[in-house]
Structures are given as structure tokens and as C-alpha cells.
Amino acid sequence: MSGEMRHILVVDDEPLAAQQVSKFLEYGTVRTSTAGSGRAALALHRADPADLIVTDLRMSDGDGVELIRAIRADNPVLAIIVVTGQVLREAEAEALDAGATELLRKPLDLQELATAVAEHLPTS
């Protein structure tokens, strides 16, 4: 394999959803890790920095907006893709205002996710 491994952090408080997205994204020179909350994701990211984050918006222990704000404080340019089942425009606006790079809706279209990841994942 040529090139450096890229790291995608998948954050969702539904373990099956996180695992499915993680398995889908793990290919070639991409490795993934998962976290079940915003707080766990932040700790994991600080210990093993991700090249891109895919996060749910509403979680019980540190939601996606809190995670985005904390990540932005550390890294203002890291791509953060929000995947949400929320239908409230205010929640979407809050995520984008906090610094989300892109917002995708649940039920998640995996091809749409793949396109967003390909667009935002650094190649080197």
C-alpha cells in the first residue's frame, strides 16, 4: 500500500450505526475508530488525531455541537461531517454555526457519505 493511512473517527451513540458506518468507510489507506459520545470522541481524537470526523448531532454524553466546538478550538480546518436525524432547522444551523463542514440526513445514504468523505478527506 502506498501513502499514509488516513484516520476517520465515527461518532454515534448507537453502537450498531457507528460500526456500520465505520466498516463502510474503512478501505484502502483509510482506518477508522468509533466513539459513542462527544466526550469520548474528543478524548480519542486528542490521543489519536483524526483526519476527518463523522458525527451524530444529538447524543446523551456530549452532543455533536459540543464536539464540533471543542474540535474547532483545537483545529479550525479539520473536516467534520454531521449525520443527523434531527429535522429542526435550529439544530442544523447550530451545527453549521459551530463549524460543521457538511450536514447529511438520516437515514444515511452511504453513497452520499462516500462522496462527502472523498471530497473532504485529506489525501496527504
N, C-alpha and C. Protein backbone atom coordinates (compact mmCIF):
# COMPACT_ATOMS: atom_id res chain seq x y z
N MET A 1 0.83 -1.17 0.00
CA MET A 1 0.00 0.00 0.00
C MET A 1 0.88 1.24 0.00
N SER A 2 0.56 2.17 -0.87
CA SER A 2 1.33 3.40 -0.89
C SER A 2 0.55 4.48 -0.15
N GLY A 3 1.26 5.45 0.36
CA GLY A 3 0.63 6.55 1.06
C GLY A 3 0.40 6.24 2.53
N GLU A 4 0.17 7.30 3.24
CA GLU A 4 -0.05 7.22 4.68
C GLU A 4 -1.51 6.86 4.97
N MET A 5 -1.72 6.12 6.04
CA MET A 5 -3.09 5.78 6.45
C MET A 5 -3.81 7.04 6.90
N ARG A 6 -5.01 7.24 6.38
CA ARG A 6 -5.87 8.34 6.81
C ARG A 6 -6.76 7.79 7.93
N HIS A 7 -7.12 8.62 8.87
CA HIS A 7 -7.90 8.20 10.03
C HIS A 7 -9.24 8.94 10.07
N ILE A 8 -10.33 8.16 10.06
CA ILE A 8 -11.67 8.73 10.19
C ILE A 8 -12.25 8.29 11.54
N LEU A 9 -12.72 9.26 12.31
CA LEU A 9 -13.36 8.99 13.59
C LEU A 9 -14.87 9.08 13.39
N VAL A 10 -15.57 8.00 13.72
CA VAL A 10 -17.03 7.92 13.58
C VAL A 10 -17.63 8.00 14.98
N VAL A 11 -18.56 8.94 15.17
CA VAL A 11 -19.13 9.19 16.49
C VAL A 11 -20.65 9.04 16.43
N ASP A 12 -21.17 8.08 17.18
CA ASP A 12 -22.62 7.88 17.25
C ASP A 12 -22.94 7.13 18.53
N ASP A 13 -23.98 7.53 19.23
CA ASP A 13 -24.34 6.85 20.47
C ASP A 13 -25.12 5.56 20.22
N GLU A 14 -25.37 5.23 18.96
CA GLU A 14 -25.95 3.94 18.59
C GLU A 14 -24.80 3.07 18.07
N PRO A 15 -24.31 2.13 18.87
CA PRO A 15 -23.12 1.35 18.51
C PRO A 15 -23.23 0.65 17.15
N LEU A 16 -24.39 0.12 16.80
CA LEU A 16 -24.54 -0.56 15.52
C LEU A 16 -24.38 0.41 14.36
N ALA A 17 -24.96 1.59 14.50
CA ALA A 17 -24.83 2.61 13.45
C ALA A 17 -23.36 3.02 13.28
N ALA A 18 -22.67 3.26 14.38
CA ALA A 18 -21.26 3.64 14.31
C ALA A 18 -20.43 2.54 13.65
N GLN A 19 -20.71 1.30 14.03
CA GLN A 19 -19.96 0.17 13.47
C GLN A 19 -20.21 0.02 11.97
N GLN A 20 -21.46 0.18 11.53
CA GLN A 20 -21.78 0.03 10.12
C GLN A 20 -21.11 1.12 9.28
N VAL A 21 -21.16 2.35 9.75
CA VAL A 21 -20.51 3.46 9.04
C VAL A 21 -19.01 3.24 9.02
N SER A 22 -18.45 2.83 10.14
CA SER A 22 -17.01 2.58 10.23
C SER A 22 -16.56 1.52 9.23
N LYS A 23 -17.28 0.40 9.20
CA LYS A 23 -16.92 -0.67 8.26
C LYS A 23 -17.03 -0.21 6.82
N PHE A 24 -18.06 0.57 6.52
CA PHE A 24 -18.25 1.08 5.16
C PHE A 24 -17.09 1.98 4.74
N LEU A 25 -16.60 2.81 5.66
CA LEU A 25 -15.56 3.79 5.32
C LEU A 25 -14.15 3.22 5.31
N GLU A 26 -13.95 2.08 5.96
CA GLU A 26 -12.61 1.52 6.08
C GLU A 26 -12.23 0.78 4.80
N TYR A 27 -11.39 1.39 4.01
CA TYR A 27 -10.94 0.80 2.75
C TYR A 27 -9.56 1.35 2.42
N GLY A 28 -8.82 0.62 1.62
CA GLY A 28 -7.52 1.11 1.13
C GLY A 28 -6.65 1.66 2.22
N THR A 29 -6.38 2.95 2.14
CA THR A 29 -5.48 3.60 3.10
C THR A 29 -6.26 4.36 4.17
N VAL A 30 -7.48 3.89 4.47
CA VAL A 30 -8.30 4.53 5.50
C VAL A 30 -8.51 3.56 6.66
N ARG A 31 -8.25 4.06 7.87
CA ARG A 31 -8.58 3.30 9.07
C ARG A 31 -9.61 4.10 9.82
N THR A 32 -10.43 3.41 10.58
CA THR A 32 -11.48 4.10 11.33
C THR A 32 -11.41 3.74 12.80
N SER A 33 -11.97 4.61 13.60
CA SER A 33 -12.20 4.32 15.01
C SER A 33 -13.58 4.86 15.34
N THR A 34 -14.17 4.36 16.42
CA THR A 34 -15.51 4.80 16.78
C THR A 34 -15.54 5.27 18.23
N ALA A 35 -16.49 6.16 18.49
CA ALA A 35 -16.75 6.63 19.85
C ALA A 35 -18.26 6.75 20.01
N GLY A 36 -18.73 6.53 21.23
CA GLY A 36 -20.16 6.53 21.49
C GLY A 36 -20.72 7.83 22.04
N SER A 37 -19.87 8.84 22.18
CA SER A 37 -20.34 10.13 22.68
C SER A 37 -19.35 11.21 22.26
N GLY A 38 -19.81 12.45 22.36
CA GLY A 38 -18.94 13.57 22.04
C GLY A 38 -17.72 13.64 22.95
N ARG A 39 -17.92 13.38 24.23
CA ARG A 39 -16.80 13.43 25.18
C ARG A 39 -15.77 12.34 24.89
N ALA A 40 -16.26 11.14 24.63
CA ALA A 40 -15.34 10.04 24.30
C ALA A 40 -14.61 10.33 22.99
N ALA A 41 -15.31 10.91 22.04
CA ALA A 41 -14.70 11.23 20.74
C ALA A 41 -13.60 12.27 20.90
N LEU A 42 -13.84 13.28 21.71
CA LEU A 42 -12.83 14.31 21.91
C LEU A 42 -11.57 13.73 22.54
N ALA A 43 -11.75 12.89 23.55
CA ALA A 43 -10.60 12.25 24.19
C ALA A 43 -9.85 11.37 23.21
N LEU A 44 -10.58 10.60 22.42
CA LEU A 44 -9.96 9.73 21.42
C LEU A 44 -9.22 10.55 20.37
N HIS A 45 -9.86 11.61 19.90
CA HIS A 45 -9.23 12.47 18.88
C HIS A 45 -7.95 13.12 19.41
N ARG A 46 -7.97 13.53 20.64
CA ARG A 46 -6.77 14.16 21.20
C ARG A 46 -5.64 13.15 21.39
N ALA A 47 -5.98 11.88 21.64
CA ALA A 47 -4.97 10.83 21.80
C ALA A 47 -4.50 10.28 20.45
N ASP A 48 -5.38 10.27 19.47
CA ASP A 48 -5.11 9.69 18.15
C ASP A 48 -5.84 10.55 17.11
N PRO A 49 -5.24 11.69 16.72
CA PRO A 49 -5.94 12.66 15.88
C PRO A 49 -6.50 12.06 14.58
N ALA A 50 -7.72 12.46 14.29
CA ALA A 50 -8.39 12.03 13.07
C ALA A 50 -8.11 13.02 11.95
N ASP A 51 -8.21 12.53 10.72
CA ASP A 51 -8.09 13.38 9.54
C ASP A 51 -9.46 13.88 9.10
N LEU A 52 -10.51 13.24 9.62
CA LEU A 52 -11.88 13.61 9.32
C LEU A 52 -12.77 13.00 10.40
N ILE A 53 -13.82 13.71 10.77
CA ILE A 53 -14.76 13.20 11.77
C ILE A 53 -16.15 13.14 11.16
N VAL A 54 -16.83 12.01 11.38
CA VAL A 54 -18.23 11.84 11.01
C VAL A 54 -18.98 11.68 12.33
N THR A 55 -19.88 12.62 12.64
CA THR A 55 -20.54 12.58 13.95
C THR A 55 -22.04 12.75 13.87
N ASP A 56 -22.71 12.06 14.77
CA ASP A 56 -24.12 12.27 15.00
C ASP A 56 -24.25 13.64 15.68
N LEU A 57 -25.45 14.19 15.66
CA LEU A 57 -25.64 15.51 16.24
C LEU A 57 -26.10 15.44 17.70
N ARG A 58 -27.10 14.62 17.96
CA ARG A 58 -27.65 14.55 19.31
C ARG A 58 -27.24 13.25 19.99
N MET A 59 -26.46 13.39 21.07
CA MET A 59 -26.02 12.25 21.87
C MET A 59 -26.14 12.65 23.33
N SER A 60 -26.25 11.67 24.21
CA SER A 60 -26.51 11.97 25.62
C SER A 60 -25.29 12.51 26.37
N ASP A 61 -24.09 12.04 26.03
CA ASP A 61 -22.89 12.45 26.77
C ASP A 61 -21.98 13.29 25.89
N GLY A 62 -22.30 14.56 25.78
CA GLY A 62 -21.51 15.43 24.92
C GLY A 62 -22.02 15.34 23.50
N ASP A 63 -22.90 16.25 23.12
CA ASP A 63 -23.51 16.15 21.81
C ASP A 63 -22.56 16.60 20.70
N GLY A 64 -23.02 16.47 19.46
CA GLY A 64 -22.19 16.78 18.31
C GLY A 64 -21.77 18.23 18.24
N VAL A 65 -22.67 19.13 18.63
CA VAL A 65 -22.33 20.56 18.59
C VAL A 65 -21.20 20.86 19.57
N GLU A 66 -21.28 20.29 20.79
CA GLU A 66 -20.19 20.48 21.76
C GLU A 66 -18.88 19.92 21.21
N LEU A 67 -18.96 18.76 20.56
CA LEU A 67 -17.77 18.14 19.97
C LEU A 67 -17.19 19.04 18.87
N ILE A 68 -18.04 19.55 18.00
CA ILE A 68 -17.57 20.43 16.92
C ILE A 68 -16.86 21.64 17.50
N ARG A 69 -17.47 22.26 18.49
CA ARG A 69 -16.84 23.46 19.10
C ARG A 69 -15.48 23.14 19.71
N ALA A 70 -15.39 22.01 20.41
CA ALA A 70 -14.12 21.62 21.04
C ALA A 70 -13.07 21.30 19.97
N ILE A 71 -13.48 20.61 18.93
CA ILE A 71 -12.53 20.29 17.84
C ILE A 71 -12.07 21.57 17.16
N ARG A 72 -13.00 22.48 16.90
CA ARG A 72 -12.65 23.74 16.25
C ARG A 72 -11.66 24.55 17.08
N ALA A 73 -11.75 24.46 18.40
CA ALA A 73 -10.80 25.16 19.27
C ALA A 73 -9.39 24.61 19.07
N ASP A 74 -9.30 23.30 18.81
CA ASP A 74 -8.00 22.65 18.59
C ASP A 74 -7.54 22.73 17.14
N ASN A 75 -8.49 22.61 16.21
CA ASN A 75 -8.16 22.51 14.79
C ASN A 75 -9.26 23.17 13.97
N PRO A 76 -9.04 24.40 13.53
CA PRO A 76 -10.10 25.13 12.82
C PRO A 76 -10.38 24.63 11.40
N VAL A 77 -9.54 23.75 10.85
CA VAL A 77 -9.74 23.33 9.46
C VAL A 77 -10.10 21.85 9.29
N LEU A 78 -10.12 21.08 10.35
CA LEU A 78 -10.45 19.67 10.24
C LEU A 78 -11.87 19.49 9.71
N ALA A 79 -12.05 18.61 8.73
CA ALA A 79 -13.38 18.35 8.17
C ALA A 79 -14.23 17.57 9.18
N ILE A 80 -15.44 18.06 9.40
CA ILE A 80 -16.40 17.42 10.31
C ILE A 80 -17.72 17.28 9.57
N ILE A 81 -18.10 16.03 9.30
CA ILE A 81 -19.36 15.75 8.63
C ILE A 81 -20.38 15.34 9.68
N VAL A 82 -21.49 16.04 9.74
CA VAL A 82 -22.55 15.75 10.69
C VAL A 82 -23.60 14.91 9.99
N VAL A 83 -23.97 13.81 10.64
CA VAL A 83 -25.05 12.95 10.16
C VAL A 83 -26.14 13.02 11.21
N THR A 84 -27.32 13.50 10.82
CA THR A 84 -28.36 13.72 11.82
C THR A 84 -29.73 13.28 11.37
N GLY A 85 -30.50 12.84 12.32
CA GLY A 85 -31.90 12.53 12.10
C GLY A 85 -32.77 13.70 12.55
N GLN A 86 -32.14 14.74 13.06
CA GLN A 86 -32.87 15.92 13.51
C GLN A 86 -33.54 16.61 12.33
N VAL A 87 -34.76 17.06 12.54
CA VAL A 87 -35.45 17.79 11.47
C VAL A 87 -35.60 19.26 11.84
N LEU A 88 -35.03 19.63 12.96
CA LEU A 88 -35.14 21.02 13.40
C LEU A 88 -34.08 21.88 12.70
N ARG A 89 -34.53 22.88 12.03
CA ARG A 89 -33.60 23.80 11.33
C ARG A 89 -32.64 24.46 12.32
N GLU A 90 -33.11 24.71 13.54
CA GLU A 90 -32.26 25.36 14.54
C GLU A 90 -31.06 24.46 14.88
N ALA A 91 -31.30 23.15 14.99
CA ALA A 91 -30.22 22.21 15.31
C ALA A 91 -29.21 22.17 14.17
N GLU A 92 -29.70 22.17 12.95
CA GLU A 92 -28.79 22.17 11.80
C GLU A 92 -27.99 23.47 11.76
N ALA A 93 -28.66 24.58 11.96
CA ALA A 93 -27.97 25.87 11.94
C ALA A 93 -26.92 25.94 13.04
N GLU A 94 -27.26 25.40 14.22
CA GLU A 94 -26.32 25.40 15.34
C GLU A 94 -25.06 24.59 14.99
N ALA A 95 -25.24 23.44 14.34
CA ALA A 95 -24.10 22.61 13.95
C ALA A 95 -23.24 23.32 12.92
N LEU A 96 -23.87 23.94 11.94
CA LEU A 96 -23.11 24.65 10.91
C LEU A 96 -22.42 25.88 11.49
N ASP A 97 -23.11 26.59 12.37
CA ASP A 97 -22.50 27.76 13.02
C ASP A 97 -21.31 27.36 13.89
N ALA A 98 -21.37 26.16 14.49
CA ALA A 98 -20.27 25.68 15.34
C ALA A 98 -19.06 25.28 14.50
N GLY A 99 -19.27 25.06 13.19
CA GLY A 99 -18.14 24.75 12.33
C GLY A 99 -18.22 23.44 11.58
N ALA A 100 -19.40 22.82 11.52
CA ALA A 100 -19.53 21.59 10.73
C ALA A 100 -19.21 21.90 9.28
N THR A 101 -18.52 20.97 8.63
CA THR A 101 -18.14 21.14 7.24
C THR A 101 -19.30 20.82 6.31
N GLU A 102 -20.05 19.78 6.65
CA GLU A 102 -21.16 19.33 5.83
C GLU A 102 -22.18 18.64 6.72
N LEU A 103 -23.45 18.70 6.30
CA LEU A 103 -24.52 18.09 7.06
C LEU A 103 -25.28 17.10 6.17
N LEU A 104 -25.38 15.85 6.63
CA LEU A 104 -26.11 14.80 5.92
C LEU A 104 -27.26 14.33 6.81
N ARG A 105 -28.33 13.89 6.20
CA ARG A 105 -29.51 13.45 6.95
C ARG A 105 -29.61 11.94 7.06
N LYS A 106 -30.18 11.49 8.19
CA LYS A 106 -30.55 10.08 8.36
C LYS A 106 -31.97 9.93 7.83
N PRO A 107 -32.34 8.82 7.25
CA PRO A 107 -31.49 7.64 7.07
C PRO A 107 -30.37 7.97 6.09
N LEU A 108 -29.19 7.52 6.44
CA LEU A 108 -27.98 7.87 5.72
C LEU A 108 -27.89 7.15 4.39
N ASP A 109 -27.64 7.91 3.35
CA ASP A 109 -27.36 7.36 2.02
C ASP A 109 -25.84 7.15 1.97
N LEU A 110 -25.41 5.89 1.93
CA LEU A 110 -23.98 5.59 2.00
C LEU A 110 -23.21 6.17 0.82
N GLN A 111 -23.81 6.25 -0.34
CA GLN A 111 -23.12 6.86 -1.49
C GLN A 111 -22.90 8.35 -1.26
N GLU A 112 -23.88 8.99 -0.65
CA GLU A 112 -23.75 10.41 -0.31
C GLU A 112 -22.63 10.61 0.71
N LEU A 113 -22.56 9.71 1.69
CA LEU A 113 -21.49 9.77 2.67
C LEU A 113 -20.13 9.56 2.00
N ALA A 114 -20.04 8.57 1.13
CA ALA A 114 -18.78 8.29 0.44
C ALA A 114 -18.32 9.50 -0.37
N THR A 115 -19.25 10.16 -1.02
CA THR A 115 -18.92 11.35 -1.81
C THR A 115 -18.41 12.47 -0.91
N ALA A 116 -19.09 12.69 0.23
CA ALA A 116 -18.67 13.74 1.16
C ALA A 116 -17.29 13.44 1.73
N VAL A 117 -17.05 12.19 2.10
CA VAL A 117 -15.75 11.79 2.65
C VAL A 117 -14.66 11.98 1.60
N ALA A 118 -14.91 11.54 0.37
CA ALA A 118 -13.91 11.70 -0.69
C ALA A 118 -13.60 13.17 -0.94
N GLU A 119 -14.60 14.01 -0.81
CA GLU A 119 -14.41 15.44 -1.03
C GLU A 119 -13.61 16.10 0.08
N HIS A 120 -13.79 15.63 1.32
CA HIS A 120 -13.19 16.32 2.47
C HIS A 120 -12.00 15.63 3.11
N LEU A 121 -11.75 14.36 2.81
CA LEU A 121 -10.64 13.66 3.44
C LEU A 121 -9.33 14.08 2.79
N PRO A 122 -8.38 14.57 3.58
CA PRO A 122 -7.09 14.96 3.00
C PRO A 122 -6.41 13.74 2.35
N THR A 123 -5.73 14.00 1.25
CA THR A 123 -5.06 12.89 0.54
C THR A 123 -3.62 12.75 0.96
N SER A 124 -3.09 13.72 1.64
CA SER A 124 -1.68 13.58 2.11
C SER A 124 -1.49 14.28 3.42
